[in-house]
Amino acid sequence: MLTLWHLFLAFFIPGILGYGGGPASIPLVEHEVVNTYHWMNVDEFSRVLALGNSLPGPIATKMAGYIGFVNGGLLGGVAALFATVAPSMLLMIVLLKILYKFKDSPKVKRLTLLIRPTIAVLLGLMTYDFLHDSVTKSGWTQSIILVLVGYILLERIKIHPAFVIVAALCYGALLM
């Protein structure tokens, strides 16, 4: 029962604090899953994140369902999934009227702009952790190859990220 409560908290707190959508809450989920409850290490979390990114739909719910199921069975998956959805659902119900009333306010627009750098820092720190873990376990050469090829495929050739992730998985399975 305590595990279900911890699963709920691990996904509810990032859901409440993760302003800006799923990507904004991922570093918070990583902190809870890796550092607070030690259900996974950074490498395992990065694999779940990569797999979740390659599948259709919101990433936070996919990660919650998977991590909850692995750590608490079916009820754990349901608890983590509900905890991921509940904050948005509650905030939407309570605050929608207020936000709609002030949607054109310059203060609200400025608030949204000021939160973006914080989200960028959180995502940057998570990227650094993933890169550090990759270099530690795979070496500089493999990491640089994957970063450069991934960048070219995503930004220059404009291939869908799901295909790039699948290609990186195949590269890792065959050559590493």
Protein backbone atom coordinates (compact mmCIF):
# COMPACT_ATOMS: atom_id res chain seq x y z
CA MET A 1 0.00 0.00 0.00
CA LEU A 2 2.89 2.33 0.77
CA THR A 3 4.31 1.70 -2.70
CA LEU A 4 1.01 2.79 -4.27
CA TRP A 5 1.07 5.99 -2.22
CA HIS A 6 4.69 6.64 -3.23
CA LEU A 7 3.83 5.99 -6.88
CA PHE A 8 0.96 8.44 -6.57
CA LEU A 9 3.19 11.09 -5.00
CA ALA A 10 6.03 10.48 -7.47
CA PHE A 11 3.77 11.37 -10.39
CA PHE A 12 1.32 13.76 -8.72
CA ILE A 13 3.96 16.24 -7.52
CA PRO A 14 5.59 16.61 -10.96
CA GLY A 15 2.12 16.89 -12.43
CA ILE A 16 1.32 19.82 -10.13
CA LEU A 17 4.70 21.56 -10.55
CA GLY A 18 5.42 20.71 -14.19
CA TYR A 19 4.00 23.81 -15.80
CA GLY A 20 4.45 23.72 -19.56
CA GLY A 21 3.34 20.22 -20.50
CA GLY A 22 4.84 16.76 -20.46
CA PRO A 23 8.43 17.70 -21.34
CA ALA A 24 8.51 20.18 -18.45
CA SER A 25 7.53 17.51 -15.95
CA ILE A 26 9.95 14.82 -17.15
CA PRO A 27 12.96 16.16 -15.18
CA LEU A 28 10.75 16.28 -12.09
CA VAL A 29 9.56 12.71 -12.68
CA GLU A 30 13.17 11.64 -13.17
CA HIS A 31 14.10 13.20 -9.83
CA GLU A 32 11.32 11.34 -8.03
CA VAL A 33 11.88 7.99 -9.78
CA VAL A 34 15.70 8.01 -9.73
CA ASN A 35 16.71 10.09 -6.71
CA THR A 36 13.81 9.99 -4.28
CA TYR A 37 12.44 6.45 -4.58
CA HIS A 38 15.34 4.70 -6.41
CA TRP A 39 13.03 2.66 -8.61
CA MET A 40 15.40 3.12 -11.57
CA ASN A 41 18.84 4.49 -12.30
CA VAL A 42 19.46 7.21 -14.89
CA ASP A 43 20.23 4.66 -17.60
CA GLU A 44 16.99 2.75 -17.05
CA PHE A 45 15.00 5.99 -16.89
CA SER A 46 16.56 7.19 -20.15
CA ARG A 47 15.53 3.90 -21.82
CA VAL A 48 11.94 4.31 -20.63
CA LEU A 49 11.99 7.92 -21.82
CA ALA A 50 13.35 6.90 -25.25
CA LEU A 51 10.77 4.16 -25.63
CA GLY A 52 7.99 6.47 -24.46
CA ASN A 53 9.10 9.09 -26.98
CA SER A 54 8.94 6.57 -29.81
CA LEU A 55 5.31 5.68 -29.09
CA PRO A 56 2.31 7.84 -29.96
CA GLY A 57 0.57 9.87 -27.25
CA PRO A 58 1.60 11.93 -24.23
CA ILE A 59 4.91 10.75 -22.83
CA ALA A 60 4.19 11.40 -19.15
CA THR A 61 1.21 9.05 -19.07
CA LYS A 62 3.10 6.29 -20.88
CA MET A 63 6.01 6.60 -18.46
CA ALA A 64 3.67 6.66 -15.45
CA GLY A 65 1.81 3.57 -16.60
CA TYR A 66 5.01 1.66 -17.23
CA ILE A 67 6.91 2.70 -14.09
CA GLY A 68 3.81 2.24 -11.95
CA PHE A 69 3.18 -1.23 -13.35
CA VAL A 70 6.79 -2.34 -12.92
CA ASN A 71 6.89 -1.15 -9.30
CA GLY A 72 3.33 -1.77 -8.14
CA GLY A 73 1.63 -4.12 -10.59
CA LEU A 74 -1.68 -3.21 -12.20
CA LEU A 75 -2.78 -1.05 -9.27
CA GLY A 76 0.58 0.72 -9.32
CA GLY A 77 0.12 1.51 -13.01
CA VAL A 78 -3.38 2.84 -12.38
CA ALA A 79 -2.21 4.91 -9.37
CA ALA A 80 0.71 6.44 -11.27
CA LEU A 81 -1.41 7.09 -14.36
CA PHE A 82 -4.17 8.74 -12.32
CA ALA A 83 -1.59 10.82 -10.43
CA THR A 84 -0.22 12.05 -13.77
CA VAL A 85 -3.62 13.05 -15.13
CA ALA A 86 -5.25 14.28 -11.90
CA PRO A 87 -3.33 17.57 -11.45
CA SER A 88 -4.13 18.78 -14.95
CA MET A 89 -7.72 17.66 -14.64
CA LEU A 90 -8.19 19.39 -11.29
CA LEU A 91 -6.43 22.56 -12.37
CA MET A 92 -8.40 22.68 -15.59
CA ILE A 93 -11.66 22.40 -13.71
CA VAL A 94 -10.76 24.96 -11.03
CA LEU A 95 -8.71 27.51 -12.96
CA LEU A 96 -10.15 27.48 -16.46
CA LYS A 97 -12.62 30.21 -15.74
CA ILE A 98 -9.99 32.43 -14.13
CA LEU A 99 -7.41 31.86 -16.86
CA TYR A 100 -9.96 32.49 -19.58
CA LYS A 101 -10.93 35.77 -17.93
CA PHE A 102 -7.31 37.00 -17.87
CA LYS A 103 -5.95 35.33 -21.02
CA ASP A 104 -5.18 38.65 -22.72
CA SER A 105 -3.54 40.19 -19.66
CA PRO A 106 0.06 41.29 -20.26
CA LYS A 107 0.99 39.92 -16.83
CA VAL A 108 -0.23 36.43 -17.74
CA LYS A 109 1.63 36.58 -21.06
CA ARG A 110 4.80 37.78 -19.30
CA LEU A 111 4.48 35.01 -16.69
CA THR A 112 4.39 32.39 -19.44
CA LEU A 113 7.46 33.89 -21.09
CA LEU A 114 9.40 33.98 -17.81
CA ILE A 115 8.75 30.31 -17.03
CA ARG A 116 10.30 29.12 -20.30
CA PRO A 117 13.94 29.67 -19.23
CA THR A 118 13.35 27.58 -16.09
CA ILE A 119 11.95 24.75 -18.19
CA ALA A 120 14.93 25.06 -20.54
CA VAL A 121 17.33 24.76 -17.58
CA LEU A 122 15.52 21.67 -16.26
CA LEU A 123 15.63 20.00 -19.67
CA GLY A 124 19.29 21.02 -20.08
CA LEU A 125 20.23 19.45 -16.73
CA MET A 126 18.45 16.24 -17.65
CA THR A 127 20.22 16.23 -21.04
CA TYR A 128 23.54 16.67 -19.27
CA ASP A 129 22.77 13.71 -16.98
CA PHE A 130 21.86 11.53 -19.96
CA LEU A 131 24.98 12.60 -21.89
CA HIS A 132 27.22 12.02 -18.88
CA ASP A 133 25.73 8.56 -18.38
CA SER A 134 26.12 7.77 -22.09
CA VAL A 135 29.77 8.84 -22.14
CA THR A 136 30.50 6.91 -18.95
CA LYS A 137 28.94 3.67 -20.20
CA SER A 138 29.47 3.85 -23.98
CA GLY A 139 32.51 6.10 -24.38
CA TRP A 140 33.05 9.40 -26.15
CA THR A 141 33.23 7.95 -29.66
CA GLN A 142 29.88 6.17 -29.56
CA SER A 143 28.20 9.11 -27.83
CA ILE A 144 29.52 11.66 -30.35
CA ILE A 145 28.47 9.47 -33.28
CA LEU A 146 24.95 9.11 -31.90
CA VAL A 147 24.64 12.82 -31.07
CA LEU A 148 25.88 13.94 -34.51
CA VAL A 149 23.86 11.42 -36.51
CA GLY A 150 20.78 12.12 -34.40
CA TYR A 151 21.19 15.87 -34.93
CA ILE A 152 21.59 15.46 -38.70
CA LEU A 153 18.60 13.12 -38.99
CA LEU A 154 16.36 15.34 -36.85
CA GLU A 155 17.39 18.85 -37.87
CA ARG A 156 18.82 18.56 -41.37
CA ILE A 157 16.96 15.66 -42.97
CA LYS A 158 13.82 16.18 -40.81
CA ILE A 159 13.14 12.53 -40.00
CA HIS A 160 10.47 11.88 -37.37
CA PRO A 161 12.00 11.47 -33.87
CA ALA A 162 10.42 8.03 -33.45
CA PHE A 163 12.44 6.70 -36.41
CA VAL A 164 15.63 8.27 -35.05
CA ILE A 165 15.06 6.62 -31.66
CA VAL A 166 14.39 3.24 -33.31
CA ALA A 167 17.56 3.67 -35.41
CA ALA A 168 19.56 4.48 -32.26
CA LEU A 169 18.12 1.41 -30.53
CA CYS A 170 19.12 -0.75 -33.51
CA TYR A 171 22.60 0.83 -33.55
CA GLY A 172 23.01 0.07 -29.87
CA ALA A 173 21.71 -3.48 -30.21
CA LEU A 174 23.95 -4.31 -33.16
CA LEU A 175 27.16 -2.38 -32.54
CA MET A 176 27.51 -1.75 -28.82
